[in-house]
Amino acid sequence: MNFLLKIFTDIPIMIVIVVFICSVIYCIKSYKFANKNLLILLNFISDFKKSDLNFRFREIDEWMSSNPYVSAVWHEFKNTLVFSESVALKGKDNNLTYKEVSETVQNIQTTVDPLYFFNEESLVNSKFNNKFIQTIPTILTGFGPLFTFLNIAIAFGKLDFTNQENTISSVSGLMSSMQTAALVSVVAVGSSLIYLMVERLLSQKLCKIPLAKCEELIGKLFDNISSEKFLLELLKETKIQNNSISNLITMMPENFKVALNSGIASNLVPYLENLIFGINQMNKSMKEVAKNSKSDDVDDLF
């Protein structure tokens, strides 16, 4: 009992134990924080399907942008999205606005794999000091030889060979210190192994499993189209538009001629006919007046 009490009251061993306990607490808190936010994200995106994504994209955009846990990743991912002309963005006032890109691109697609943005590094490791968590086993293991050699150095410094009694006493203290020094290494290596096992289990259960589900759902929501394929689609679209414009320019003179003839036939010809008819009527009336008055001036005029 005294031996165990001496061990757990030894300062190097206490340092190793305190560091181990604090590291486990920090690891659990960090992984629980990530797990909480991943479950929130998972519950949100599980309500969406690819078929209704066109009409509910504004809802996803607003939620993702307002959630600080995924907002930065979402803004980067949104820049890779390709919208077809059938995409409807529903606003708060229930008005639908449409964004056209290409007639051959259907639904909402992305030119980059969603896993490039929504991955373990962006959704888990970057949300806390993951490098410190991964370094803890090395620190605990390093405490072993550090405190072992420190105890040995202190024990050798206490050796006293001035007389037989002091020699026996100092050698006895050296053996006790050597035992404690060896025990520090055992505690340090043991705590490192325990921490490593706990950290791996927590990481798998709290982070990697919900993260894999989130990645799977996001991958199903957005079809992946390569940037090269999208540029080819835009090239085809441009060629179709250029061909339509070329045909329109070619047919423009003929269409202008038809439109001009139609305008003359429908507007100018009736006007001229009415004008000629009026002149004829005026001529007839003046002839009748001249006939009745028998005026030579009127006869000379006509």
Protein backbone atom coordinates (compact mmCIF):
# COMPACT_ATOMS: atom_id res chain seq x y z
CA MET A 1 0.00 0.00 0.00
CA ASN A 2 2.81 2.37 0.88
CA PHE A 3 4.50 1.46 -2.38
CA LEU A 4 1.41 2.34 -4.44
CA LEU A 5 0.92 5.53 -2.45
CA LYS A 6 4.52 6.48 -3.12
CA ILE A 7 4.08 5.77 -6.82
CA PHE A 8 0.94 7.90 -7.26
CA THR A 9 2.40 10.72 -5.22
CA ASP A 10 5.52 10.82 -7.36
CA ILE A 11 5.54 14.11 -9.28
CA PRO A 12 6.59 12.73 -12.72
CA ILE A 13 3.93 10.03 -12.57
CA MET A 14 1.32 12.58 -11.51
CA ILE A 15 2.30 14.79 -14.45
CA VAL A 16 1.84 11.90 -16.87
CA ILE A 17 -1.55 10.99 -15.37
CA VAL A 18 -2.81 14.60 -15.39
CA VAL A 19 -1.75 15.09 -19.02
CA PHE A 20 -3.42 11.82 -19.96
CA ILE A 21 -6.74 12.71 -18.28
CA CYS A 22 -6.80 16.26 -19.72
CA SER A 23 -6.01 14.94 -23.19
CA VAL A 24 -8.83 12.38 -23.04
CA ILE A 25 -11.30 15.06 -21.90
CA TYR A 26 -10.26 17.42 -24.72
CA CYS A 27 -10.48 14.61 -27.26
CA ILE A 28 -14.00 13.63 -26.12
CA LYS A 29 -15.23 17.25 -26.15
CA SER A 30 -13.80 17.88 -29.62
CA TYR A 31 -15.28 14.75 -31.17
CA LYS A 32 -18.66 15.34 -29.51
CA PHE A 33 -18.70 18.85 -30.94
CA ALA A 34 -18.02 17.51 -34.43
CA ASN A 35 -20.56 14.71 -33.96
CA LYS A 36 -23.29 17.16 -32.93
CA ASN A 37 -22.83 19.34 -36.00
CA LEU A 38 -22.48 16.40 -38.37
CA LEU A 39 -25.77 14.95 -37.13
CA ILE A 40 -27.46 18.34 -37.64
CA LEU A 41 -26.13 18.45 -41.21
CA LEU A 42 -27.14 14.84 -41.81
CA ASN A 43 -30.70 15.41 -40.57
CA PHE A 44 -31.05 18.46 -42.79
CA ILE A 45 -29.81 17.05 -46.09
CA SER A 46 -31.65 13.73 -45.56
CA ASP A 47 -34.93 15.60 -46.21
CA PHE A 48 -33.91 16.44 -49.79
CA LYS A 49 -34.08 14.40 -52.96
CA LYS A 50 -32.47 14.99 -56.32
CA SER A 51 -35.88 15.27 -58.00
CA ASP A 52 -37.02 18.26 -55.92
CA LEU A 53 -33.61 19.91 -55.58
CA ASN A 54 -34.36 22.36 -58.40
CA PHE A 55 -37.26 23.91 -56.51
CA ARG A 56 -35.67 23.78 -53.03
CA PHE A 57 -32.18 24.95 -53.83
CA ARG A 58 -32.81 28.35 -52.24
CA GLU A 59 -33.75 26.57 -49.00
CA ILE A 60 -30.48 24.62 -48.99
CA ASP A 61 -28.47 27.72 -49.87
CA GLU A 62 -29.92 29.80 -47.04
CA TRP A 63 -29.46 27.07 -44.43
CA MET A 64 -25.91 26.21 -45.47
CA SER A 65 -24.90 29.87 -45.63
CA SER A 66 -26.30 30.59 -42.17
CA ASN A 67 -24.68 27.55 -40.52
CA PRO A 68 -21.15 28.59 -39.44
CA TYR A 69 -20.00 24.96 -39.30
CA VAL A 70 -20.39 24.42 -43.08
CA SER A 71 -20.81 27.94 -44.50
CA ALA A 72 -17.20 28.33 -45.70
CA VAL A 73 -17.18 24.91 -47.37
CA TRP A 74 -20.60 25.54 -48.94
CA HIS A 75 -19.56 28.88 -50.48
CA GLU A 76 -16.59 27.22 -52.16
CA PHE A 77 -18.70 24.29 -53.34
CA LYS A 78 -21.49 26.54 -54.66
CA ASN A 79 -19.06 28.17 -57.11
CA THR A 80 -18.71 24.81 -58.89
CA LEU A 81 -22.46 24.28 -59.40
CA VAL A 82 -23.96 24.32 -62.89
CA PHE A 83 -27.62 25.29 -63.22
CA SER A 84 -29.80 24.19 -66.13
CA GLU A 85 -32.52 26.36 -67.66
CA SER A 86 -35.14 24.32 -65.82
CA VAL A 87 -33.80 25.29 -62.40
CA ALA A 88 -36.31 27.35 -60.43
CA LEU A 89 -35.13 29.42 -57.49
CA LYS A 90 -37.99 30.09 -55.12
CA GLY A 91 -37.74 33.31 -53.16
CA LYS A 92 -39.30 34.35 -49.88
CA ASP A 93 -42.22 35.99 -51.72
CA ASN A 94 -42.88 32.70 -53.59
CA ASN A 95 -41.68 34.18 -56.89
CA LEU A 96 -39.72 31.85 -59.14
CA THR A 97 -36.62 33.04 -60.95
CA TYR A 98 -34.75 30.96 -63.52
CA LYS A 99 -31.08 30.79 -64.35
CA GLU A 100 -30.07 29.55 -67.79
CA VAL A 101 -26.72 28.00 -68.61
CA SER A 102 -27.07 25.21 -71.13
CA GLU A 103 -30.01 23.44 -72.70
CA THR A 104 -28.21 20.10 -72.65
CA VAL A 105 -27.33 20.21 -68.93
CA GLN A 106 -30.09 18.86 -66.75
CA ASN A 107 -30.77 19.53 -63.06
CA ILE A 108 -28.04 20.96 -60.79
CA GLN A 109 -24.59 19.55 -61.39
CA THR A 110 -21.12 20.23 -60.08
CA THR A 111 -17.89 20.37 -62.03
CA VAL A 112 -15.90 19.12 -59.01
CA ASP A 113 -16.47 16.01 -56.92
CA PRO A 114 -18.39 17.01 -53.72
CA LEU A 115 -15.95 14.91 -51.68
CA TYR A 116 -13.25 17.43 -52.57
CA PHE A 117 -15.06 19.94 -50.33
CA PHE A 118 -17.09 17.83 -47.91
CA ASN A 119 -14.45 15.57 -46.43
CA GLU A 120 -12.86 14.67 -43.10
CA GLU A 121 -10.39 17.53 -43.25
CA SER A 122 -12.97 20.27 -43.86
CA LEU A 123 -15.82 18.96 -41.68
CA VAL A 124 -13.93 17.35 -38.79
CA ASN A 125 -10.20 18.00 -38.48
CA SER A 126 -10.36 21.73 -39.19
CA LYS A 127 -12.99 22.35 -36.49
CA PHE A 128 -10.57 21.74 -33.59
CA ASN A 129 -6.86 21.27 -32.96
CA ASN A 130 -6.61 17.86 -34.56
CA LYS A 131 -2.82 17.97 -34.82
CA PHE A 132 -2.59 18.36 -31.06
CA ILE A 133 -4.91 15.38 -30.53
CA GLN A 134 -2.78 13.25 -32.83
CA THR A 135 0.41 14.39 -31.09
CA ILE A 136 -0.71 13.43 -27.55
CA PRO A 137 0.49 9.76 -27.78
CA THR A 138 3.94 10.97 -28.79
CA ILE A 139 4.00 13.45 -25.91
CA LEU A 140 2.96 10.80 -23.38
CA THR A 141 5.51 8.35 -24.73
CA GLY A 142 8.20 11.03 -24.60
CA PHE A 143 7.45 11.67 -20.92
CA GLY A 144 8.67 8.12 -20.16
CA PRO A 145 12.37 8.43 -21.04
CA LEU A 146 12.40 12.10 -20.01
CA PHE A 147 11.34 11.49 -16.40
CA THR A 148 13.17 8.15 -16.24
CA PHE A 149 16.55 9.67 -17.00
CA LEU A 150 15.71 12.68 -14.84
CA ASN A 151 15.04 10.41 -11.84
CA ILE A 152 18.19 8.43 -12.53
CA ALA A 153 20.26 11.61 -12.70
CA ILE A 154 18.80 12.87 -9.41
CA ALA A 155 19.36 9.47 -7.77
CA PHE A 156 23.01 9.34 -8.85
CA GLY A 157 23.45 12.83 -7.50
CA LYS A 158 22.37 11.66 -4.05
CA LEU A 159 24.99 8.88 -3.76
CA ASP A 160 27.22 9.28 -0.72
CA PHE A 161 30.29 7.10 -0.26
CA THR A 162 31.77 8.94 2.73
CA ASN A 163 31.13 6.01 5.07
CA GLN A 164 29.56 2.59 5.05
CA GLU A 165 26.25 3.68 6.54
CA ASN A 166 25.77 6.52 4.07
CA THR A 167 26.79 4.26 1.23
CA ILE A 168 24.20 1.62 2.11
CA SER A 169 21.51 4.27 2.58
CA SER A 170 22.31 6.07 -0.69
CA VAL A 171 22.48 2.83 -2.69
CA SER A 172 19.13 1.78 -1.21
CA GLY A 173 17.67 5.16 -2.28
CA LEU A 174 19.21 4.71 -5.74
CA MET A 175 17.44 1.35 -6.18
CA SER A 176 14.14 2.86 -5.06
CA SER A 177 14.59 5.78 -7.48
CA MET A 178 15.48 3.40 -10.31
CA GLN A 179 12.27 1.46 -9.68
CA THR A 180 10.21 4.64 -9.71
CA ALA A 181 11.99 5.83 -12.85
CA ALA A 182 11.20 2.59 -14.65
CA LEU A 183 7.61 2.87 -13.45
CA VAL A 184 7.31 6.33 -15.03
CA SER A 185 8.12 4.84 -18.43
CA VAL A 186 5.58 2.06 -17.91
CA VAL A 187 2.85 4.56 -16.94
CA ALA A 188 3.73 6.87 -19.84
CA VAL A 189 3.73 4.14 -22.49
CA GLY A 190 0.58 2.54 -21.02
CA SER A 191 -1.33 5.84 -20.96
CA SER A 192 -0.21 6.51 -24.54
CA LEU A 193 -1.60 3.17 -25.72
CA ILE A 194 -4.86 3.64 -23.82
CA TYR A 195 -5.29 7.15 -25.22
CA LEU A 196 -4.56 5.96 -28.74
CA MET A 197 -7.20 3.23 -28.48
CA VAL A 198 -9.81 5.59 -26.98
CA GLU A 199 -9.10 8.25 -29.62
CA ARG A 200 -9.47 5.80 -32.51
CA LEU A 201 -12.74 4.39 -31.18
CA LEU A 202 -14.22 7.85 -30.57
CA SER A 203 -13.09 9.09 -33.97
CA GLN A 204 -14.72 6.15 -35.73
CA LYS A 205 -17.98 6.26 -33.81
CA LEU A 206 -18.55 10.01 -33.41
CA CYS A 207 -16.98 11.41 -36.58
CA LYS A 208 -16.22 9.01 -39.39
CA ILE A 209 -19.55 7.14 -39.43
CA PRO A 210 -21.82 10.26 -39.61
CA LEU A 211 -19.34 11.92 -41.97
CA ALA A 212 -19.54 8.99 -44.38
CA LYS A 213 -23.34 9.26 -44.38
CA CYS A 214 -23.18 13.00 -45.08
CA GLU A 215 -20.75 12.47 -47.96
CA GLU A 216 -22.99 9.78 -49.43
CA LEU A 217 -26.12 11.96 -49.31
CA ILE A 218 -24.40 15.02 -50.75
CA GLY A 219 -22.91 12.89 -53.53
CA LYS A 220 -26.39 11.63 -54.42
CA LEU A 221 -27.90 15.12 -54.47
CA PHE A 222 -25.49 16.65 -56.99
CA ASP A 223 -24.47 14.93 -60.20
CA ASN A 224 -20.83 15.29 -61.05
CA ILE A 225 -19.92 16.65 -64.48
CA SER A 226 -16.34 17.30 -65.47
CA SER A 227 -15.35 20.83 -66.40
CA GLU A 228 -14.15 19.59 -69.81
CA LYS A 229 -17.54 18.05 -70.55
CA PHE A 230 -19.31 21.21 -69.46
CA LEU A 231 -17.11 23.33 -71.75
CA LEU A 232 -17.94 20.94 -74.59
CA GLU A 233 -21.64 21.41 -73.87
CA LEU A 234 -21.21 25.17 -73.95
CA LEU A 235 -19.30 24.89 -77.23
CA LYS A 236 -22.15 22.91 -78.76
CA GLU A 237 -24.62 25.48 -77.48
CA THR A 238 -22.54 28.30 -78.99
CA LYS A 239 -22.36 26.56 -82.35
CA ILE A 240 -26.12 26.11 -82.39
CA GLN A 241 -26.65 29.78 -81.61
CA ASN A 242 -24.10 30.87 -84.24
CA ASN A 243 -25.84 28.73 -86.85
CA SER A 244 -29.20 30.27 -85.97
CA ILE A 245 -27.75 33.79 -86.21
CA SER A 246 -26.12 32.97 -89.57
CA ASN A 247 -29.40 31.68 -90.97
CA LEU A 248 -31.18 34.76 -89.68
CA ILE A 249 -28.69 37.10 -91.39
CA THR A 250 -28.97 35.13 -94.65
CA MET A 251 -32.74 35.33 -94.67
CA MET A 252 -32.87 38.97 -93.58
CA PRO A 253 -32.94 40.54 -97.15
CA GLU A 254 -35.68 38.19 -98.29
CA ASN A 255 -37.68 38.78 -95.14
CA PHE A 256 -37.21 42.54 -95.52
CA LYS A 257 -38.46 42.37 -99.13
CA VAL A 258 -41.50 40.35 -98.12
CA ALA A 259 -42.22 42.70 -95.22
CA LEU A 260 -41.85 45.78 -97.51
CA ASN A 261 -44.13 44.35 -100.21
CA SER A 262 -46.64 43.37 -97.57
CA GLY A 263 -46.52 46.87 -96.05
CA ILE A 264 -46.98 48.54 -99.45
CA ALA A 265 -49.79 46.20 -100.40
CA SER A 266 -51.64 46.64 -97.16
CA ASN A 267 -51.11 50.36 -96.53
CA LEU A 268 -49.81 52.38 -99.51
CA VAL A 269 -51.87 50.83 -102.35
CA PRO A 270 -55.29 51.51 -100.70
CA TYR A 271 -54.15 55.05 -99.94
CA LEU A 272 -53.12 55.68 -103.58
CA GLU A 273 -56.33 54.13 -104.87
CA ASN A 274 -58.36 56.45 -102.66
CA LEU A 275 -56.26 59.42 -103.83
CA ILE A 276 -56.74 58.57 -107.51
CA PHE A 277 -60.43 58.00 -106.95
CA GLY A 278 -60.70 61.43 -105.31
CA ILE A 279 -58.84 63.14 -108.19
CA ASN A 280 -61.07 61.44 -110.71
CA GLN A 281 -64.14 62.56 -108.84
CA MET A 282 -62.82 66.12 -108.67
CA ASN A 283 -62.03 66.06 -112.39
CA LYS A 284 -65.50 64.80 -113.18
CA SER A 285 -67.10 67.48 -111.04
CA MET A 286 -65.08 70.26 -112.63
CA LYS A 287 -65.95 69.03 -116.11
CA GLU A 288 -69.60 69.10 -115.24
CA VAL A 289 -69.23 72.66 -113.91
CA ALA A 290 -67.40 73.71 -117.09
CA LYS A 291 -70.03 72.09 -119.30
CA ASN A 292 -72.82 73.92 -117.55
CA SER A 293 -71.02 77.30 -117.64
CA LYS A 294 -69.59 76.82 -121.16
CA SER A 295 -66.45 78.67 -120.07
CA ASP A 296 -63.51 78.72 -122.48
CA ASP A 297 -61.11 79.20 -119.61
CA VAL A 298 -62.19 75.97 -118.01
CA ASP A 299 -61.95 74.19 -121.39
CA ASP A 300 -58.44 75.55 -121.86
CA LEU A 301 -57.56 74.35 -118.37
CA PHE A 302 -58.61 70.75 -119.08
